[in-house]
Amino acid sequence: MSSEVMAQMSRRVGVPPAWTSVLAVIAHPDDASCGLGAILDAFVLAGAKVDVLCLTHGQAWTLEGAPGDLAALRGAELASAADVLGPKRIQMPDCPDGDLSKVGQTSLVAEVVAAADKCFPDGLLVFDTAPEPGRLDHVTATSAGLQAAETLDLPVLGWALSEDVVARLCHDFGPASANLSDEKIDLRVNVDRARHRVASHSLQGQALPGSARWRRLELLADSESLRWLRQPHGLAGRLATPARKAAQVRSPDE
């Protein structure tokens, strides 16, 4: 079955693409739970093996009253969320939180390719985020994922909020991130929100009742919106494995 047919089926029945392996590329530990959590869970329930590449330890985030090393704590939170949602492997390079772009695109792309070389994904999952203050790490992580996918010849799905959800969040909490108009959303995936809420609770102060994140989960109800950032195509262009294509990635200095 071709990737195009699988994508069309996904649009009809509200399930994720029939990928056997997925690599999520994120910037911060909480992105795997409060952000992509329900989608990761949907892939796992559909039988896919899910790996997560988290490019920072989230050490720039503030957790009031949290004892111990913040980077270690955020890593433990991500591991706890993964126990609930089901990703099999988590990789966390020690890139600077809040300054991810300073690492350099070549290095970040190499991290994504190396992660793909370990799990042989059928596609990548990232944030579909506008370049706004406070979200630049997300944009950088997504850009690295897209460039790596170009090298590996893999499709990329971006997680986004619909215009209706963003409009309601803006009404309740003030200006929020850019939204996607409904016609730009390619897939609406049915999800089990219960595990998503449990995973979000593993992050201190992240999705508490009355918070913007809690309200977002209420508005999303039992579905999530995705957009193809790199379209799937037929099998002919995907005969080479990620491991074989990874060997083709070279630094400009080489």
C-alpha atoms as a PDB file:
ATOM      1  CA  MET A   1       0.000   0.000   0.000  1.00  0.00           C
ATOM      2  CA  SER A   2       1.437   3.365  -1.017  1.00  0.00           C
ATOM      3  CA  SER A   3       1.996   6.261   1.378  1.00  0.00           C
ATOM      4  CA  GLU A   4      -0.612   8.324  -0.512  1.00  0.00           C
ATOM      5  CA  VAL A   5      -3.302   5.684   0.026  1.00  0.00           C
ATOM      6  CA  MET A   6      -2.391   5.342   3.715  1.00  0.00           C
ATOM      7  CA  ALA A   7      -2.678   9.110   4.145  1.00  0.00           C
ATOM      8  CA  GLN A   8      -6.094   9.207   2.441  1.00  0.00           C
ATOM      9  CA  MET A   9      -7.342   6.394   4.676  1.00  0.00           C
ATOM     10  CA  SER A  10      -6.111   8.255   7.739  1.00  0.00           C
ATOM     11  CA  ARG A  11      -8.071  11.335   6.725  1.00  0.00           C
ATOM     12  CA  ARG A  12     -11.268   9.325   6.394  1.00  0.00           C
ATOM     13  CA  VAL A  13     -11.206   7.267   9.566  1.00  0.00           C
ATOM     14  CA  GLY A  14      -9.464   9.582  12.041  1.00  0.00           C
ATOM     15  CA  VAL A  15      -6.441   7.394  12.721  1.00  0.00           C
ATOM     16  CA  PRO A  16      -2.767   8.269  12.220  1.00  0.00           C
ATOM     17  CA  PRO A  17      -0.910   7.070   9.120  1.00  0.00           C
ATOM     18  CA  ALA A  18      -0.134   3.354   9.123  1.00  0.00           C
ATOM     19  CA  TRP A  19       3.511   3.827  10.071  1.00  0.00           C
ATOM     20  CA  THR A  20       5.267   0.993  11.876  1.00  0.00           C
ATOM     21  CA  SER A  21       7.895   3.328  13.342  1.00  0.00           C
ATOM     22  CA  VAL A  22       7.700   7.034  14.228  1.00  0.00           C
ATOM     23  CA  LEU A  23      10.375   9.509  15.279  1.00  0.00           C
ATOM     24  CA  ALA A  24       9.163  12.589  17.153  1.00  0.00           C
ATOM     25  CA  VAL A  25      11.603  15.513  17.069  1.00  0.00           C
ATOM     26  CA  ILE A  26      10.975  18.043  19.850  1.00  0.00           C
ATOM     27  CA  ALA A  27      12.779  20.872  21.629  1.00  0.00           C
ATOM     28  CA  HIS A  28      11.710  20.429  25.277  1.00  0.00           C
ATOM     29  CA  PRO A  29      10.721  17.529  27.562  1.00  0.00           C
ATOM     30  CA  ASP A  30       7.132  18.738  28.052  1.00  0.00           C
ATOM     31  CA  ASP A  31       6.598  18.852  24.273  1.00  0.00           C
ATOM     32  CA  ALA A  32       6.233  15.063  24.319  1.00  0.00           C
ATOM     33  CA  SER A  33       3.343  15.169  26.778  1.00  0.00           C
ATOM     34  CA  CYS A  34       1.504  18.497  26.793  1.00  0.00           C
ATOM     35  CA  GLY A  35       2.095  18.880  23.060  1.00  0.00           C
ATOM     36  CA  LEU A  36       2.431  15.674  21.076  1.00  0.00           C
ATOM     37  CA  GLY A  37       1.318  13.322  23.851  1.00  0.00           C
ATOM     38  CA  ALA A  38      -2.075  12.308  22.502  1.00  0.00           C
ATOM     39  CA  ILE A  39      -0.705  11.788  18.982  1.00  0.00           C
ATOM     40  CA  LEU A  40       2.191   9.678  20.259  1.00  0.00           C
ATOM     41  CA  ASP A  41      -0.314   7.612  22.219  1.00  0.00           C
ATOM     42  CA  ALA A  42      -2.494   7.195  19.099  1.00  0.00           C
ATOM     43  CA  PHE A  43       0.479   5.897  17.116  1.00  0.00           C
ATOM     44  CA  VAL A  44       1.363   3.434  19.897  1.00  0.00           C
ATOM     45  CA  LEU A  45      -2.235   2.189  20.101  1.00  0.00           C
ATOM     46  CA  ALA A  46      -2.176   1.711  16.318  1.00  0.00           C
ATOM     47  CA  GLY A  47       0.828  -0.594  16.732  1.00  0.00           C
ATOM     48  CA  ALA A  48       3.681   1.754  15.834  1.00  0.00           C
ATOM     49  CA  LYS A  49       7.031   1.870  17.616  1.00  0.00           C
ATOM     50  CA  VAL A  50       7.631   5.448  18.768  1.00  0.00           C
ATOM     51  CA  ASP A  51      10.993   7.070  19.476  1.00  0.00           C
ATOM     52  CA  VAL A  52      11.453  10.599  20.832  1.00  0.00           C
ATOM     53  CA  LEU A  53      14.411  12.877  20.147  1.00  0.00           C
ATOM     54  CA  CYS A  54      14.308  15.755  22.646  1.00  0.00           C
ATOM     55  CA  LEU A  55      17.034  18.229  21.692  1.00  0.00           C
ATOM     56  CA  THR A  56      17.327  19.936  25.103  1.00  0.00           C
ATOM     57  CA  HIS A  57      16.909  18.966  28.746  1.00  0.00           C
ATOM     58  CA  GLY A  58      14.536  21.905  29.314  1.00  0.00           C
ATOM     59  CA  GLN A  59      16.974  23.354  31.820  1.00  0.00           C
ATOM     60  CA  ALA A  60      15.886  26.952  31.173  1.00  0.00           C
ATOM     61  CA  TRP A  61      12.337  26.286  32.408  1.00  0.00           C
ATOM     62  CA  THR A  62      11.429  27.456  35.902  1.00  0.00           C
ATOM     63  CA  LEU A  63       9.755  25.066  38.343  1.00  0.00           C
ATOM     64  CA  GLU A  64       9.100  26.911  41.578  1.00  0.00           C
ATOM     65  CA  GLY A  65      10.224  24.967  44.628  1.00  0.00           C
ATOM     66  CA  ALA A  66      11.590  22.063  42.600  1.00  0.00           C
ATOM     67  CA  PRO A  67      14.540  20.492  44.442  1.00  0.00           C
ATOM     68  CA  GLY A  68      17.687  19.230  42.763  1.00  0.00           C
ATOM     69  CA  ASP A  69      19.110  19.646  39.275  1.00  0.00           C
ATOM     70  CA  LEU A  70      16.474  21.043  36.908  1.00  0.00           C
ATOM     71  CA  ALA A  71      17.810  19.294  33.801  1.00  0.00           C
ATOM     72  CA  ALA A  72      17.748  15.937  35.605  1.00  0.00           C
ATOM     73  CA  LEU A  73      14.241  16.645  36.894  1.00  0.00           C
ATOM     74  CA  ARG A  74      12.921  17.504  33.446  1.00  0.00           C
ATOM     75  CA  GLY A  75      14.496  14.348  32.066  1.00  0.00           C
ATOM     76  CA  ALA A  76      12.774  12.294  34.744  1.00  0.00           C
ATOM     77  CA  GLU A  77       9.456  13.968  33.921  1.00  0.00           C
ATOM     78  CA  LEU A  78       9.837  13.056  30.263  1.00  0.00           C
ATOM     79  CA  ALA A  79      10.622   9.456  31.207  1.00  0.00           C
ATOM     80  CA  SER A  80       7.538   9.378  33.435  1.00  0.00           C
ATOM     81  CA  ALA A  81       5.332  10.711  30.647  1.00  0.00           C
ATOM     82  CA  ALA A  82       6.805   8.142  28.248  1.00  0.00           C
ATOM     83  CA  ASP A  83       5.861   5.366  30.677  1.00  0.00           C
ATOM     84  CA  VAL A  84       2.238   6.486  30.312  1.00  0.00           C
ATOM     85  CA  LEU A  85       2.192   7.217  26.580  1.00  0.00           C
ATOM     86  CA  GLY A  86       4.367   4.348  25.394  1.00  0.00           C
ATOM     87  CA  PRO A  87       7.429   5.665  23.468  1.00  0.00           C
ATOM     88  CA  LYS A  88      10.084   2.951  23.537  1.00  0.00           C
ATOM     89  CA  ARG A  89      13.216   5.071  23.418  1.00  0.00           C
ATOM     90  CA  ILE A  90      14.085   8.635  24.398  1.00  0.00           C
ATOM     91  CA  GLN A  91      17.230  10.433  23.291  1.00  0.00           C
ATOM     92  CA  MET A  92      18.200  13.752  24.878  1.00  0.00           C
ATOM     93  CA  PRO A  93      21.267  15.572  23.493  1.00  0.00           C
ATOM     94  CA  ASP A  94      22.452  18.312  25.833  1.00  0.00           C
ATOM     95  CA  CYS A  95      21.707  21.297  23.577  1.00  0.00           C
ATOM     96  CA  PRO A  96      21.093  24.732  25.158  1.00  0.00           C
ATOM     97  CA  ASP A  97      17.465  25.333  26.094  1.00  0.00           C
ATOM     98  CA  GLY A  98      16.300  28.740  24.832  1.00  0.00           C
ATOM     99  CA  ASP A  99      19.238  29.045  22.434  1.00  0.00           C
ATOM    100  CA  LEU A 100      18.810  25.944  20.317  1.00  0.00           C
ATOM    101  CA  SER A 101      19.542  27.796  17.077  1.00  0.00           C
ATOM    102  CA  LYS A 102      23.056  28.613  18.340  1.00  0.00           C
ATOM    103  CA  VAL A 103      23.999  24.947  18.073  1.00  0.00           C
ATOM    104  CA  GLY A 104      23.992  25.227  14.297  1.00  0.00           C
ATOM    105  CA  GLN A 105      21.668  23.602  11.798  1.00  0.00           C
ATOM    106  CA  THR A 106      24.246  21.080  10.604  1.00  0.00           C
ATOM    107  CA  SER A 107      24.746  19.677  14.102  1.00  0.00           C
ATOM    108  CA  LEU A 108      21.016  19.489  14.833  1.00  0.00           C
ATOM    109  CA  VAL A 109      20.267  17.768  11.535  1.00  0.00           C
ATOM    110  CA  ALA A 110      23.017  15.269  12.303  1.00  0.00           C
ATOM    111  CA  GLU A 111      21.321  14.524  15.666  1.00  0.00           C
ATOM    112  CA  VAL A 112      18.031  13.809  13.889  1.00  0.00           C
ATOM    113  CA  VAL A 113      19.674  11.620  11.260  1.00  0.00           C
ATOM    114  CA  ALA A 114      21.549   9.681  13.943  1.00  0.00           C
ATOM    115  CA  ALA A 115      18.292   9.109  15.836  1.00  0.00           C
ATOM    116  CA  ALA A 116      16.594   7.934  12.640  1.00  0.00           C
ATOM    117  CA  ASP A 117      19.515   5.584  12.002  1.00  0.00           C
ATOM    118  CA  LYS A 118      18.594   3.793  15.253  1.00  0.00           C
ATOM    119  CA  CYS A 119      14.844   3.411  14.754  1.00  0.00           C
ATOM    120  CA  PHE A 120      14.278   3.397  10.942  1.00  0.00           C
ATOM    121  CA  PRO A 121      11.110   5.547  11.046  1.00  0.00           C
ATOM    122  CA  ASP A 122       8.443   5.620   8.356  1.00  0.00           C
ATOM    123  CA  GLY A 123       7.928   9.309   9.153  1.00  0.00           C
ATOM    124  CA  LEU A 124       8.747  12.163  11.493  1.00  0.00           C
ATOM    125  CA  LEU A 125       6.425  14.020  13.871  1.00  0.00           C
ATOM    126  CA  VAL A 126       7.170  17.649  14.808  1.00  0.00           C
ATOM    127  CA  PHE A 127       5.540  20.893  15.948  1.00  0.00           C
ATOM    128  CA  ASP A 128       3.946  23.015  13.220  1.00  0.00           C
ATOM    129  CA  THR A 129       4.823  26.322  14.898  1.00  0.00           C
ATOM    130  CA  ALA A 130       5.026  29.910  13.679  1.00  0.00           C
ATOM    131  CA  PRO A 131       8.301  31.777  14.436  1.00  0.00           C
ATOM    132  CA  GLU A 132       7.150  33.748  17.471  1.00  0.00           C
ATOM    133  CA  PRO A 133       8.933  34.846  20.687  1.00  0.00           C
ATOM    134  CA  GLY A 134       9.004  31.984  23.183  1.00  0.00           C
ATOM    135  CA  ARG A 135       8.622  29.337  20.480  1.00  0.00           C
ATOM    136  CA  LEU A 136      11.856  29.735  18.529  1.00  0.00           C
ATOM    137  CA  ASP A 137      13.300  26.489  19.900  1.00  0.00           C
ATOM    138  CA  HIS A 138      10.248  24.694  18.502  1.00  0.00           C
ATOM    139  CA  VAL A 139      10.830  26.291  15.112  1.00  0.00           C
ATOM    140  CA  THR A 140      14.512  25.308  15.186  1.00  0.00           C
ATOM    141  CA  ALA A 141      13.716  21.698  16.121  1.00  0.00           C
ATOM    142  CA  THR A 142      11.101  21.458  13.366  1.00  0.00           C
ATOM    143  CA  SER A 143      13.501  22.940  10.825  1.00  0.00           C
ATOM    144  CA  ALA A 144      16.140  20.358  11.749  1.00  0.00           C
ATOM    145  CA  GLY A 145      13.565  17.591  11.430  1.00  0.00           C
ATOM    146  CA  LEU A 146      12.469  18.810   8.000  1.00  0.00           C
ATOM    147  CA  GLN A 147      16.020  19.074   6.696  1.00  0.00           C
ATOM    148  CA  ALA A 148      16.847  15.610   7.994  1.00  0.00           C
ATOM    149  CA  ALA A 149      13.659  14.245   6.413  1.00  0.00           C
ATOM    150  CA  GLU A 150      14.734  15.761   3.106  1.00  0.00           C
ATOM    151  CA  THR A 151      18.003  13.836   3.337  1.00  0.00           C
ATOM    152  CA  LEU A 152      16.298  10.634   4.474  1.00  0.00           C
ATOM    153  CA  ASP A 153      13.379  11.034   2.044  1.00  0.00           C
ATOM    154  CA  LEU A 154      10.745  10.698   4.771  1.00  0.00           C
ATOM    155  CA  PRO A 155       7.348  12.351   5.229  1.00  0.00           C
ATOM    156  CA  VAL A 156       6.848  14.797   8.102  1.00  0.00           C
ATOM    157  CA  LEU A 157       3.659  15.498  10.046  1.00  0.00           C
ATOM    158  CA  GLY A 158       3.298  18.741  12.001  1.00  0.00           C
ATOM    159  CA  TRP A 159       1.056  19.047  15.071  1.00  0.00           C
ATOM    160  CA  ALA A 160      -0.992  22.238  15.131  1.00  0.00           C
ATOM    161  CA  LEU A 161      -4.029  23.926  16.671  1.00  0.00           C
ATOM    162  CA  SER A 162      -7.100  24.719  14.610  1.00  0.00           C
ATOM    163  CA  GLU A 163      -8.329  28.300  14.246  1.00  0.00           C
ATOM    164  CA  ASP A 164     -11.343  27.597  16.468  1.00  0.00           C
ATOM    165  CA  VAL A 165      -9.231  26.299  19.364  1.00  0.00           C
ATOM    166  CA  VAL A 166      -6.796  29.217  19.135  1.00  0.00           C
ATOM    167  CA  ALA A 167      -9.647  31.733  18.968  1.00  0.00           C
ATOM    168  CA  ARG A 168     -11.169  30.359  22.168  1.00  0.00           C
ATOM    169  CA  LEU A 169      -7.817  30.303  23.949  1.00  0.00           C
ATOM    170  CA  CYS A 170      -7.224  33.916  22.930  1.00  0.00           C
ATOM    171  CA  HIS A 171     -10.644  34.843  24.307  1.00  0.00           C
ATOM    172  CA  ASP A 172      -9.922  33.138  27.629  1.00  0.00           C
ATOM    173  CA  PHE A 173      -6.217  33.891  28.131  1.00  0.00           C
ATOM    174  CA  GLY A 174      -5.186  36.598  25.682  1.00  0.00           C
ATOM    175  CA  PRO A 175      -3.084  36.431  22.486  1.00  0.00           C
ATOM    176  CA  ALA A 176      -1.762  32.989  21.662  1.00  0.00           C
ATOM    177  CA  SER A 177       0.206  31.300  18.900  1.00  0.00           C
ATOM    178  CA  ALA A 178      -0.755  31.454  15.246  1.00  0.00           C
ATOM    179  CA  ASN A 179      -3.444  29.034  14.155  1.00  0.00           C
ATOM    180  CA  LEU A 180      -4.133  27.002  11.046  1.00  0.00           C
ATOM    181  CA  SER A 181      -7.292  27.568   9.039  1.00  0.00           C
ATOM    182  CA  ASP A 182      -9.359  24.423   8.729  1.00  0.00           C
ATOM    183  CA  GLU A 183      -8.602  23.983   5.035  1.00  0.00           C
ATOM    184  CA  LYS A 184      -4.873  23.741   5.817  1.00  0.00           C
ATOM    185  CA  ILE A 185      -5.350  20.845   8.244  1.00  0.00           C
ATOM    186  CA  ASP A 186      -4.755  17.521   6.521  1.00  0.00           C
ATOM    187  CA  LEU A 187      -5.590  15.013   9.257  1.00  0.00           C
ATOM    188  CA  ARG A 188      -7.840  15.000  12.300  1.00  0.00           C
ATOM    189  CA  VAL A 189      -6.859  12.074  14.495  1.00  0.00           C
ATOM    190  CA  ASN A 190      -9.106  10.597  17.175  1.00  0.00           C
ATOM    191  CA  VAL A 191      -7.238  10.295  20.488  1.00  0.00           C
ATOM    192  CA  ASP A 192      -7.679   8.948  24.007  1.00  0.00           C
ATOM    193  CA  ARG A 193      -7.381  12.054  26.154  1.00  0.00           C
ATOM    194  CA  ALA A 194      -7.275  10.158  29.465  1.00  0.00           C
ATOM    195  CA  ARG A 195      -3.667   8.991  29.152  1.00  0.00           C
ATOM    196  CA  HIS A 196      -2.686  12.375  27.762  1.00  0.00           C
ATOM    197  CA  ARG A 197      -3.970  14.059  30.940  1.00  0.00           C
ATOM    198  CA  VAL A 198      -2.110  11.580  33.134  1.00  0.00           C
ATOM    199  CA  ALA A 199       1.124  12.230  31.234  1.00  0.00           C
ATOM    200  CA  SER A 200       0.606  15.992  31.504  1.00  0.00           C
ATOM    201  CA  HIS A 201       0.201  15.662  35.271  1.00  0.00           C
ATOM    202  CA  SER A 202       3.719  14.234  35.460  1.00  0.00           C
ATOM    203  CA  LEU A 203       5.018  17.715  34.609  1.00  0.00           C
ATOM    204  CA  GLN A 204       4.952  19.990  37.619  1.00  0.00           C
ATOM    205  CA  GLY A 205       2.661  22.957  37.090  1.00  0.00           C
ATOM    206  CA  GLN A 206       2.119  22.264  33.396  1.00  0.00           C
ATOM    207  CA  ALA A 207      -1.535  21.295  32.858  1.00  0.00           C
ATOM    208  CA  LEU A 208      -3.398  22.080  36.051  1.00  0.00           C
ATOM    209  CA  PRO A 209      -7.153  22.803  36.153  1.00  0.00           C
ATOM    210  CA  GLY A 210      -7.724  26.419  35.194  1.00  0.00           C
ATOM    211  CA  SER A 211      -4.460  26.729  33.269  1.00  0.00           C
ATOM    212  CA  ALA A 212      -4.254  27.538  29.567  1.00  0.00           C
ATOM    213  CA  ARG A 213      -2.910  24.076  28.854  1.00  0.00           C
ATOM    214  CA  TRP A 214      -5.749  22.400  30.715  1.00  0.00           C
ATOM    215  CA  ARG A 215      -8.249  24.539  28.798  1.00  0.00           C
ATOM    216  CA  ARG A 216      -6.548  23.581  25.534  1.00  0.00           C
ATOM    217  CA  LEU A 217      -7.047  19.883  26.308  1.00  0.00           C
ATOM    218  CA  GLU A 218     -10.722  20.579  27.019  1.00  0.00           C
ATOM    219  CA  LEU A 219     -11.159  22.391  23.700  1.00  0.00           C
ATOM    220  CA  LEU A 220      -9.362  19.720  21.711  1.00  0.00           C
ATOM    221  CA  ALA A 221     -11.719  17.087  23.167  1.00  0.00           C
ATOM    222  CA  ASP A 222     -11.010  13.738  21.474  1.00  0.00           C
ATOM    223  CA  SER A 223      -9.192  14.876  18.333  1.00  0.00           C
ATOM    224  CA  GLU A 224      -5.873  16.413  17.264  1.00  0.00           C
ATOM    225  CA  SER A 225      -4.997  18.278  14.070  1.00  0.00           C
ATOM    226  CA  LEU A 226      -2.022  17.486  11.845  1.00  0.00           C
ATOM    227  CA  ARG A 227      -0.595  18.925   8.642  1.00  0.00           C
ATOM    228  CA  TRP A 228       1.781  17.395   6.135  1.00  0.00           C
ATOM    229  CA  LEU A 229       4.955  19.500   6.266  1.00  0.00           C
ATOM    230  CA  ARG A 230       6.621  17.075   3.882  1.00  0.00           C
ATOM    231  CA  GLN A 231       4.205  15.078   1.798  1.00  0.00           C
ATOM    232  CA  PRO A 232       4.352  11.281   1.594  1.00  0.00           C
ATOM    233  CA  HIS A 233       4.879   9.759  -1.832  1.00  0.00           C
ATOM    234  CA  GLY A 234       5.106   6.373  -3.522  1.00  0.00           C
ATOM    235  CA  LEU A 235       7.446   3.597  -2.521  1.00  0.00           C
ATOM    236  CA  ALA A 236       9.850   4.185  -5.398  1.00  0.00           C
ATOM    237  CA  GLY A 237      11.542   7.121  -3.710  1.00  0.00           C
ATOM    238  CA  ARG A 238      11.832   5.340  -0.356  1.00  0.00           C
ATOM    239  CA  LEU A 239      13.757   2.189  -1.224  1.00  0.00           C
ATOM    240  CA  ALA A 240      16.891   3.318   0.598  1.00  0.00           C
ATOM    241  CA  THR A 241      16.782   2.824   4.345  1.00  0.00           C
ATOM    242  CA  PRO A 242      17.459   5.691   6.784  1.00  0.00           C
ATOM    243  CA  ALA A 243      20.660   3.903   7.815  1.00  0.00           C
ATOM    244  CA  ARG A 244      21.965   3.857   4.258  1.00  0.00           C
ATOM    245  CA  LYS A 245      21.013   7.479   3.604  1.00  0.00           C
ATOM    246  CA  ALA A 246      22.417   8.606   6.940  1.00  0.00           C
ATOM    247  CA  ALA A 247      25.849   7.692   5.629  1.00  0.00           C
ATOM    248  CA  GLN A 248      25.368  10.319   2.919  1.00  0.00           C
ATOM    249  CA  VAL A 249      25.036  13.200   5.412  1.00  0.00           C
ATOM    250  CA  ARG A 250      28.243  15.145   5.680  1.00  0.00           C
ATOM    251  CA  SER A 251      29.226  18.345   7.383  1.00  0.00           C
ATOM    252  CA  PRO A 252      30.122  21.218   5.022  1.00  0.00           C
ATOM    253  CA  ASP A 253      33.630  20.992   6.501  1.00  0.00           C
ATOM    254  CA  GLU A 254      34.167  17.419   5.286  1.00  0.00           C
END
